Amino acid sequence: MINPSLLALAIGAFGIGVTEFTPMGMLPLIAGDLGVSIPAAGLLVSAYALGVLIGAPLMTLAFARTGRRRLLVGLMGIFTLGNLLAALSTSYEMLMVARIVTSFNHGAFFGVGSVVAASVVPAEKRASAVAAMFSGLTIATVGGVPLAAWVGEALGWRAAFWGIAAIGALAMLALRLSLPVLPAEKGGDIRRELAVVTRGPVLAALALTVLGASAMFTVFTYIVPILTTETGASAGFVTAMLVIYGLGLTAGNWVGGRFADRSVDGTLAASLAGLVVVLLLFAGLAGSAGAAAVLIFLWGIASFALVPPLQMRVMEEAGAAPNLASALNIGAFNLGNAVGAAAGGLVIDAGLGTAMVPVAGAAMALAGLLFLALLRRRAPARVAGQAC
């Protein structure tokens, strides 16, 4: 049976996923219409990522004592306002402001939403509940972003933002109607939350998220040049591979949630090890279109199977004050995005070729696996939902 609360959270996650990634597919349209260069339009993406990093802790701390349902509805209100501003933008500067406004809901929504998702199900299903919320994000990559790009081409980029704003309004209604009244944790305040996130185990869990996300984005950032150079792929084949990758992300999110309910660290170890193997095989077999298609799907599974257990690990280490740590974990994903993109770029700039980029991604995953092993040696064995 579908849990209405988790469905409402997934709708919000879907909208956020669409608005985060859609501008990447519309940069030429936006640049041409607003009279700026494509690199300048690309700064709209960078500004959003920076807004996520800043907004996650600020919004979480500022509203630490606000009821969770009211906060989540309010965050989606910010999301809707930002996308309305984007749809109404008549200048580059106005669109930049709109993107920053929109980004401020991102980290707090996923952070607080993860805690809420885990709280509305039995303890043994918490990781699956987090995965259910994040399924909205994976579905956005498969269907929402391509649809928004098509709308942008057919009706103009502003029409895409009007549509995303409508998703935000729907999410606000769904959250208001489906979530129970969820008061803020008793005693929640800034000093308590900050004290939690400065603990060594929480910082270590956040660092593990950075490494895991880096392994993914080292390769994903450059997947198009990898396919065109190594596989000799056409534009149609590249599009098909991106869809296959999105399907892999969706499957991986489900797999990660199910297995993390049994063992958080076991799921992390298996996913990181899978990434190492798959990316090394991809580096050697990227020249074969058939092999590339299979490996890209498996890569998607391994990449997003990491997400539920990484989020759960941070929430568990944060104990009774998980909100800020959970929100910061979303920022850690974005930091991993930046680190991975930089690592892949260094490989290419060094003249090693695009075929070596997956090797760099595998190295990132191996670093994460070794770091996890080190953490496990310093702490008792862990089981999903509890420390043993």
Protein backbone atom coordinates (compact mmCIF):
# COMPACT_ATOMS: atom_id res chain seq x y z
CA MET A 1 0.00 0.00 0.00
CA ILE A 2 1.27 3.47 -0.87
CA ASN A 3 2.11 5.63 2.13
CA PRO A 4 0.53 9.07 1.43
CA SER A 5 3.18 10.90 3.45
CA LEU A 6 6.01 9.27 1.54
CA LEU A 7 4.23 9.98 -1.76
CA ALA A 8 3.94 13.66 -0.85
CA LEU A 9 7.63 13.80 0.04
CA ALA A 10 8.49 12.07 -3.25
CA ILE A 11 6.48 14.67 -5.19
CA GLY A 12 8.50 17.41 -3.54
CA ALA A 13 11.74 15.56 -4.31
CA PHE A 14 10.62 15.15 -7.92
CA GLY A 15 10.06 18.87 -8.30
CA ILE A 16 13.43 19.70 -6.75
CA GLY A 17 15.18 17.20 -9.03
CA VAL A 18 13.57 18.69 -12.11
CA THR A 19 14.39 22.28 -11.21
CA GLU A 20 17.99 21.43 -10.30
CA PHE A 21 18.90 19.69 -13.54
CA THR A 22 16.58 21.27 -16.13
CA PRO A 23 18.68 24.42 -16.76
CA MET A 24 21.59 22.25 -17.91
CA GLY A 25 19.53 21.18 -20.92
CA MET A 26 18.31 24.70 -21.67
CA LEU A 27 21.52 26.74 -21.39
CA PRO A 28 21.65 27.69 -25.09
CA LEU A 29 17.99 28.78 -24.99
CA ILE A 30 18.47 30.85 -21.84
CA ALA A 31 21.74 32.35 -23.03
CA GLY A 32 20.30 33.33 -26.41
CA ASP A 33 17.13 34.84 -24.97
CA LEU A 34 18.84 36.85 -22.22
CA GLY A 35 21.81 37.89 -24.35
CA VAL A 36 24.57 36.26 -22.29
CA SER A 37 27.22 33.69 -23.09
CA ILE A 38 26.68 29.99 -22.44
CA PRO A 39 29.40 29.99 -19.74
CA ALA A 40 27.57 32.89 -18.05
CA ALA A 41 24.33 30.92 -18.25
CA GLY A 42 26.21 27.99 -16.74
CA LEU A 43 26.81 30.10 -13.64
CA LEU A 44 23.08 29.70 -12.95
CA VAL A 45 23.85 26.03 -12.22
CA SER A 46 26.84 26.91 -10.04
CA ALA A 47 24.83 29.51 -8.12
CA TYR A 48 22.16 26.91 -7.38
CA ALA A 49 24.75 24.48 -6.01
CA LEU A 50 26.24 27.23 -3.84
CA GLY A 51 22.77 28.11 -2.59
CA VAL A 52 22.23 24.49 -1.57
CA LEU A 53 25.46 24.45 0.43
CA ILE A 54 24.63 27.71 2.23
CA GLY A 55 20.89 27.24 2.51
CA ALA A 56 20.92 23.74 4.01
CA PRO A 57 22.38 24.69 7.42
CA LEU A 58 20.87 28.18 7.51
CA MET A 59 17.29 27.07 6.87
CA THR A 60 17.55 24.05 9.15
CA LEU A 61 18.92 26.06 12.05
CA ALA A 62 16.63 29.05 11.52
CA PHE A 63 13.54 26.84 11.74
CA ALA A 64 14.77 24.27 14.26
CA ARG A 65 11.75 24.90 16.48
CA THR A 66 9.16 24.93 13.68
CA GLY A 67 6.80 21.99 13.30
CA ARG A 68 8.04 19.60 10.65
CA ARG A 69 4.88 19.65 8.52
CA ARG A 70 4.73 23.43 8.54
CA LEU A 71 8.43 23.65 7.71
CA LEU A 72 8.23 21.25 4.76
CA VAL A 73 5.19 23.05 3.33
CA GLY A 74 7.01 26.35 3.79
CA LEU A 75 10.15 25.05 2.07
CA MET A 76 8.09 23.99 -0.92
CA GLY A 77 6.56 27.47 -0.82
CA ILE A 78 10.07 28.90 -1.27
CA PHE A 79 10.60 26.42 -4.10
CA THR A 80 7.38 27.52 -5.81
CA LEU A 81 8.19 31.22 -5.37
CA GLY A 82 11.67 30.75 -6.83
CA ASN A 83 10.35 28.98 -9.91
CA LEU A 84 7.63 31.61 -10.39
CA LEU A 85 10.34 34.28 -10.30
CA ALA A 86 12.31 32.28 -12.88
CA ALA A 87 9.24 32.03 -15.13
CA LEU A 88 8.76 35.80 -14.88
CA SER A 89 12.43 36.70 -15.32
CA THR A 90 13.18 39.31 -17.96
CA SER A 91 16.90 39.61 -17.25
CA TYR A 92 19.89 37.46 -16.41
CA GLU A 93 20.20 39.09 -12.99
CA MET A 94 16.57 38.38 -12.12
CA LEU A 95 16.93 34.76 -13.16
CA MET A 96 20.09 34.45 -11.06
CA VAL A 97 18.21 35.72 -8.00
CA ALA A 98 15.36 33.30 -8.75
CA ARG A 99 17.75 30.35 -8.89
CA ILE A 100 19.37 31.28 -5.58
CA VAL A 101 15.95 31.67 -3.92
CA THR A 102 14.90 28.27 -5.27
CA SER A 103 18.07 26.58 -4.04
CA PHE A 104 17.54 27.60 -0.42
CA ASN A 105 14.84 24.97 0.07
CA HIS A 106 16.85 22.08 -1.38
CA GLY A 107 19.13 20.87 1.41
CA ALA A 108 16.67 21.55 4.22
CA PHE A 109 13.83 19.79 2.39
CA PHE A 110 15.81 16.62 1.76
CA GLY A 111 17.43 16.76 5.19
CA VAL A 112 14.27 17.31 7.24
CA GLY A 113 12.25 15.21 4.78
CA SER A 114 14.56 12.23 5.36
CA VAL A 115 14.02 12.48 9.11
CA VAL A 116 10.26 12.79 8.64
CA ALA A 117 10.16 9.86 6.18
CA ALA A 118 11.98 7.67 8.69
CA SER A 119 9.59 8.72 11.46
CA VAL A 120 6.33 7.76 9.73
CA VAL A 121 7.23 4.07 9.26
CA PRO A 122 8.29 1.22 11.58
CA ALA A 123 11.95 1.31 12.65
CA GLU A 124 12.89 -1.67 10.49
CA LYS A 125 11.72 0.15 7.33
CA ARG A 126 13.37 3.52 7.84
CA ALA A 127 15.96 3.17 5.06
CA SER A 128 13.26 2.08 2.60
CA ALA A 129 11.21 5.13 3.59
CA VAL A 130 14.16 7.43 2.88
CA ALA A 131 14.61 5.67 -0.47
CA ALA A 132 10.91 6.17 -1.24
CA MET A 133 11.32 9.92 -0.83
CA PHE A 134 14.46 9.97 -2.98
CA SER A 135 12.63 7.99 -5.68
CA GLY A 136 11.11 11.32 -6.71
CA LEU A 137 14.61 12.57 -7.48
CA THR A 138 15.50 9.52 -9.57
CA ILE A 139 12.21 9.68 -11.49
CA ALA A 140 12.97 13.32 -12.22
CA THR A 141 16.21 12.32 -13.95
CA VAL A 142 14.45 9.71 -16.09
CA GLY A 143 11.30 11.55 -17.10
CA GLY A 144 10.94 14.98 -15.56
CA VAL A 145 14.11 16.59 -16.86
CA PRO A 146 13.71 15.36 -20.47
CA LEU A 147 10.06 16.49 -20.42
CA ALA A 148 11.02 19.93 -19.11
CA ALA A 149 13.70 20.21 -21.81
CA TRP A 150 11.12 19.33 -24.47
CA VAL A 151 8.71 21.94 -23.09
CA GLY A 152 11.54 24.48 -23.15
CA GLU A 153 12.27 23.76 -26.79
CA ALA A 154 8.61 23.81 -27.82
CA LEU A 155 7.21 26.63 -25.69
CA GLY A 156 10.24 28.49 -24.39
CA TRP A 157 12.34 28.05 -21.27
CA ARG A 158 9.98 30.14 -19.14
CA ALA A 159 7.18 27.66 -19.80
CA ALA A 160 9.30 24.92 -18.22
CA PHE A 161 9.62 26.95 -15.03
CA TRP A 162 5.86 27.63 -14.98
CA GLY A 163 5.34 23.87 -15.06
CA ILE A 164 7.88 23.27 -12.27
CA ALA A 165 6.15 25.93 -10.14
CA ALA A 166 2.89 24.00 -10.60
CA ILE A 167 4.63 20.87 -9.29
CA GLY A 168 5.69 22.89 -6.25
CA ALA A 169 2.11 23.98 -5.59
CA LEU A 170 0.96 20.35 -5.88
CA ALA A 171 3.66 19.25 -3.44
CA MET A 172 2.60 21.91 -0.93
CA LEU A 173 -0.99 20.66 -1.04
CA ALA A 174 0.05 17.01 -0.81
CA LEU A 175 2.32 17.64 2.17
CA ARG A 176 -0.33 19.65 3.99
CA LEU A 177 -2.99 16.98 3.50
CA SER A 178 -0.95 13.83 4.06
CA LEU A 179 1.59 14.58 6.79
CA PRO A 180 0.50 14.28 10.41
CA VAL A 181 1.17 17.14 12.79
CA LEU A 182 4.87 16.75 13.56
CA PRO A 183 6.19 19.07 16.26
CA ALA A 184 9.85 19.98 16.32
CA GLU A 185 12.04 17.92 18.61
CA LYS A 186 11.91 19.10 22.22
CA GLY A 187 14.88 21.18 23.15
CA GLY A 188 15.89 21.66 19.53
CA ASP A 189 18.11 24.72 19.24
CA ILE A 190 21.10 25.98 17.32
CA ARG A 191 23.71 25.08 19.93
CA ARG A 192 22.41 21.55 20.29
CA GLU A 193 22.37 20.94 16.53
CA LEU A 194 25.85 22.44 16.08
CA ALA A 195 27.21 20.35 18.94
CA VAL A 196 25.95 17.22 17.20
CA VAL A 197 27.42 17.93 13.75
CA THR A 198 30.87 18.67 15.20
CA ARG A 199 31.15 15.16 16.63
CA GLY A 200 33.80 13.01 15.02
CA PRO A 201 31.47 10.19 13.89
CA VAL A 202 29.08 12.66 12.23
CA LEU A 203 31.91 14.44 10.41
CA ALA A 204 33.26 11.05 9.31
CA ALA A 205 29.85 10.07 7.94
CA LEU A 206 29.66 13.35 6.01
CA ALA A 207 33.15 12.77 4.62
CA LEU A 208 32.07 9.31 3.46
CA THR A 209 29.18 10.94 1.59
CA VAL A 210 31.61 13.30 -0.17
CA LEU A 211 33.72 10.34 -1.31
CA GLY A 212 30.70 8.34 -2.46
CA ALA A 213 29.25 11.25 -4.43
CA SER A 214 32.67 12.03 -5.90
CA ALA A 215 32.92 8.52 -7.30
CA MET A 216 29.62 9.07 -9.11
CA PHE A 217 30.21 12.58 -10.43
CA THR A 218 33.81 12.05 -11.52
CA VAL A 219 32.36 10.05 -14.40
CA PHE A 220 28.82 11.41 -14.78
CA THR A 221 30.05 14.96 -15.36
CA TYR A 222 31.97 13.78 -18.44
CA ILE A 223 29.74 10.93 -19.60
CA VAL A 224 28.87 12.67 -22.89
CA PRO A 225 32.50 13.19 -24.05
CA ILE A 226 33.37 9.69 -22.81
CA LEU A 227 30.65 8.14 -24.95
CA THR A 228 31.28 10.29 -28.02
CA THR A 229 35.06 9.78 -27.88
CA GLU A 230 35.42 6.20 -26.67
CA THR A 231 32.22 4.63 -28.00
CA GLY A 232 31.81 6.84 -31.06
CA ALA A 233 28.22 7.39 -29.98
CA SER A 234 25.63 9.42 -31.86
CA ALA A 235 23.47 12.03 -30.13
CA GLY A 236 20.59 9.55 -30.05
CA PHE A 237 22.73 6.87 -28.41
CA VAL A 238 23.96 9.31 -25.78
CA THR A 239 20.37 10.26 -24.95
CA ALA A 240 19.42 6.61 -24.68
CA MET A 241 22.36 5.95 -22.35
CA LEU A 242 21.33 8.84 -20.11
CA VAL A 243 17.86 7.34 -19.85
CA ILE A 244 19.35 3.91 -19.07
CA TYR A 245 21.52 5.51 -16.41
CA GLY A 246 18.44 7.16 -14.91
CA LEU A 247 16.67 3.80 -14.83
CA GLY A 248 19.70 2.37 -13.06
CA LEU A 249 19.54 5.18 -10.50
CA THR A 250 15.88 4.39 -9.86
CA ALA A 251 16.60 0.69 -9.40
CA GLY A 252 19.63 1.45 -7.23
CA ASN A 253 17.61 3.71 -4.96
CA TRP A 254 15.13 0.87 -4.33
CA VAL A 255 17.89 -1.72 -3.85
CA GLY A 256 19.83 0.55 -1.50
CA GLY A 257 16.77 1.21 0.63
CA ARG A 258 15.79 -2.44 0.92
CA PHE A 259 19.26 -3.71 1.81
CA ALA A 260 20.09 -0.78 4.11
CA ASP A 261 17.12 -1.85 6.24
CA ARG A 262 19.19 -4.96 6.95
CA SER A 263 22.68 -3.45 7.13
CA VAL A 264 23.67 0.15 6.46
CA ASP A 265 27.41 -0.44 6.29
CA GLY A 266 27.04 -3.74 4.45
CA THR A 267 25.05 -1.97 1.73
CA LEU A 268 27.64 0.81 1.56
CA ALA A 269 30.49 -1.67 1.23
CA ALA A 270 28.76 -3.68 -1.50
CA SER A 271 27.80 -0.54 -3.45
CA LEU A 272 31.28 0.99 -3.29
CA ALA A 273 32.90 -2.32 -4.27
CA GLY A 274 30.41 -2.61 -7.13
CA LEU A 275 31.34 0.88 -8.30
CA VAL A 276 35.03 -0.02 -8.35
CA VAL A 277 34.41 -3.10 -10.48
CA VAL A 278 31.87 -1.55 -12.85
CA LEU A 279 33.89 1.61 -13.50
CA LEU A 280 37.08 -0.33 -14.18
CA LEU A 281 35.17 -2.55 -16.63
CA PHE A 282 33.66 0.57 -18.21
CA ALA A 283 37.12 2.03 -18.71
CA GLY A 284 38.20 -1.07 -20.60
CA LEU A 285 34.98 -1.81 -22.53
CA ALA A 286 33.64 1.67 -23.33
CA GLY A 287 34.49 1.08 -26.98
CA SER A 288 31.71 -1.50 -27.22
CA ALA A 289 28.23 0.04 -27.41
CA GLY A 290 26.55 -3.09 -26.03
CA ALA A 291 28.94 -3.44 -23.11
CA ALA A 292 28.68 0.29 -22.38
CA ALA A 293 24.88 0.08 -22.18
CA VAL A 294 24.97 -2.79 -19.67
CA LEU A 295 27.70 -1.21 -17.58
CA ILE A 296 26.00 2.19 -17.51
CA PHE A 297 22.85 0.58 -16.13
CA LEU A 298 24.88 -1.28 -13.47
CA TRP A 299 26.80 1.90 -12.71
CA GLY A 300 23.51 3.70 -12.09
CA ILE A 301 22.38 0.95 -9.69
CA ALA A 302 25.64 1.03 -7.71
CA SER A 303 25.73 4.85 -7.65
CA PHE A 304 22.30 5.44 -6.12
CA ALA A 305 22.29 2.33 -3.94
CA LEU A 306 24.69 4.45 -1.89
CA VAL A 307 22.22 7.24 -1.20
CA PRO A 308 19.79 5.70 1.35
CA PRO A 309 22.52 4.10 3.50
CA LEU A 310 24.67 7.25 3.40
CA GLN A 311 21.70 9.32 4.56
CA MET A 312 20.82 6.77 7.23
CA ARG A 313 24.41 6.61 8.49
CA VAL A 314 24.51 10.36 9.08
CA MET A 315 21.09 10.34 10.75
CA GLU A 316 22.09 7.48 13.06
CA GLU A 317 25.39 9.08 14.03
CA ALA A 318 23.56 12.34 14.78
CA GLY A 319 21.33 10.50 17.27
CA ALA A 320 18.60 12.67 18.80
CA ALA A 321 19.42 15.76 16.72
CA PRO A 322 19.52 14.51 13.12
CA ASN A 323 18.00 17.47 11.25
CA LEU A 324 21.07 19.65 10.67
CA ALA A 325 23.32 16.65 10.05
CA SER A 326 20.84 15.26 7.54
CA ALA A 327 20.62 18.60 5.74
CA LEU A 328 24.40 18.96 5.71
CA ASN A 329 24.60 15.52 4.14
CA ILE A 330 22.75 16.92 1.12
CA GLY A 331 25.40 19.64 0.97
CA ALA A 332 28.03 16.92 1.17
CA PHE A 333 26.51 15.32 -1.94
CA ASN A 334 26.87 18.66 -3.73
CA LEU A 335 30.45 19.00 -2.51
CA GLY A 336 31.12 15.50 -3.83
CA ASN A 337 29.67 16.66 -7.14
CA ALA A 338 32.20 19.49 -7.29
CA VAL A 339 35.12 17.32 -6.16
CA GLY A 340 34.26 14.60 -8.68
CA ALA A 341 33.90 17.08 -11.54
CA ALA A 342 37.28 18.59 -10.65
CA ALA A 343 38.93 15.16 -10.45
CA GLY A 344 37.62 14.12 -13.86
CA GLY A 345 38.68 17.45 -15.31
CA LEU A 346 42.21 17.01 -13.96
CA VAL A 347 42.47 13.62 -15.66
CA ILE A 348 41.45 15.10 -19.01
CA ASP A 349 43.62 18.23 -18.63
CA ALA A 350 46.61 16.01 -17.83
CA GLY A 351 46.24 14.47 -21.30
CA LEU A 352 45.33 11.02 -19.99
CA GLY A 353 42.20 10.86 -22.15
CA THR A 354 38.54 10.32 -21.38
CA ALA A 355 39.06 6.55 -21.04
CA MET A 356 40.92 7.19 -17.77
CA VAL A 357 38.08 9.18 -16.21
CA PRO A 358 36.21 6.02 -15.08
CA VAL A 359 39.48 4.81 -13.55
CA ALA A 360 39.58 8.01 -11.49
CA GLY A 361 35.98 7.37 -10.46
CA ALA A 362 36.91 3.84 -9.41
CA ALA A 363 39.77 5.27 -7.35
CA MET A 364 37.31 7.57 -5.56
CA ALA A 365 35.03 4.61 -4.82
CA LEU A 366 37.99 2.58 -3.56
CA ALA A 367 38.98 5.46 -1.27
CA GLY A 368 35.44 5.46 0.10
CA LEU A 369 35.56 1.70 0.64
CA LEU A 370 38.87 1.93 2.50
CA PHE A 371 37.57 4.81 4.61
CA LEU A 372 34.47 2.81 5.49
CA ALA A 373 36.66 -0.14 6.52
CA LEU A 374 38.67 2.21 8.76
CA LEU A 375 35.49 3.55 10.37
CA ARG A 376 34.19 0.03 10.98
CA ARG A 377 37.44 -0.94 12.71
CA ARG A 378 37.00 1.98 15.10
CA ALA A 379 33.36 1.30 15.95
CA PRO A 380 31.17 -1.74 16.70
CA ALA A 381 29.42 -3.49 13.84
CA ARG A 382 26.33 -1.65 12.69
CA VAL A 383 22.93 -2.93 11.70
CA ALA A 384 20.36 -0.77 9.92
CA GLY A 385 18.30 1.16 12.37
CA GLN A 386 20.63 0.55 15.33
CA ALA A 387 24.23 0.32 16.43
CA CYS A 388 25.22 -3.11 17.63
